[in-house]
Amino acid sequence: MHTFSTQRSLAASPAEVFAAIQDPQRLARWWGPAGFSNVFEVFDFQEQGRWVFTMVGPDGTRYPNQARFARIEADRQVVIEHTVQPLFQLTITLSPVSGGTRVQWDQVFEDAAVAKAIAAIVEPANEQNLDRLSRELGLSA
């Protein structure tokens, strides 16, 4: 098992950050690495709800994705289980801090070999995700 972790303090309340996660139109704008866009086919934002979407790379390559929302605690935490390869669990935890919210982003891969093989992609992509979230919230990244 291997975990990629990053965190960011944002000058927005946990409720404001959560709103940018639970709204499919907003999430589609910021989800993924820099230059990617998203097409959501299914977005059932409730515990055990399905999320089926395609990430479109800057070169037009389409990456089909399927996940489920394993746990949702409003304004606090969202746990997403990616149910197609590569398999991982992403936990996004929102903690109130002075002046805003600390976003903790923990992506756990059960297969350490897979994690090692894609580390060079995942580590910068997770930072870019938080950069894009910051911009979605009207903050500088």
Foldseek 3Di string as FASTA:
>chain_A
DDKDKDKDWALAALQLLLVCVQDVVSCQQQPWAPQKGKDWPADDPDAQGKTWIWIAHNVRDIDTWIWGFNDDDRSAWTWIFTPDPPTWIWIWGWDDDVRYTMTMIMIDGPDVVSCVVCVVPPNNTVVRSVQSSNVSSVHHD
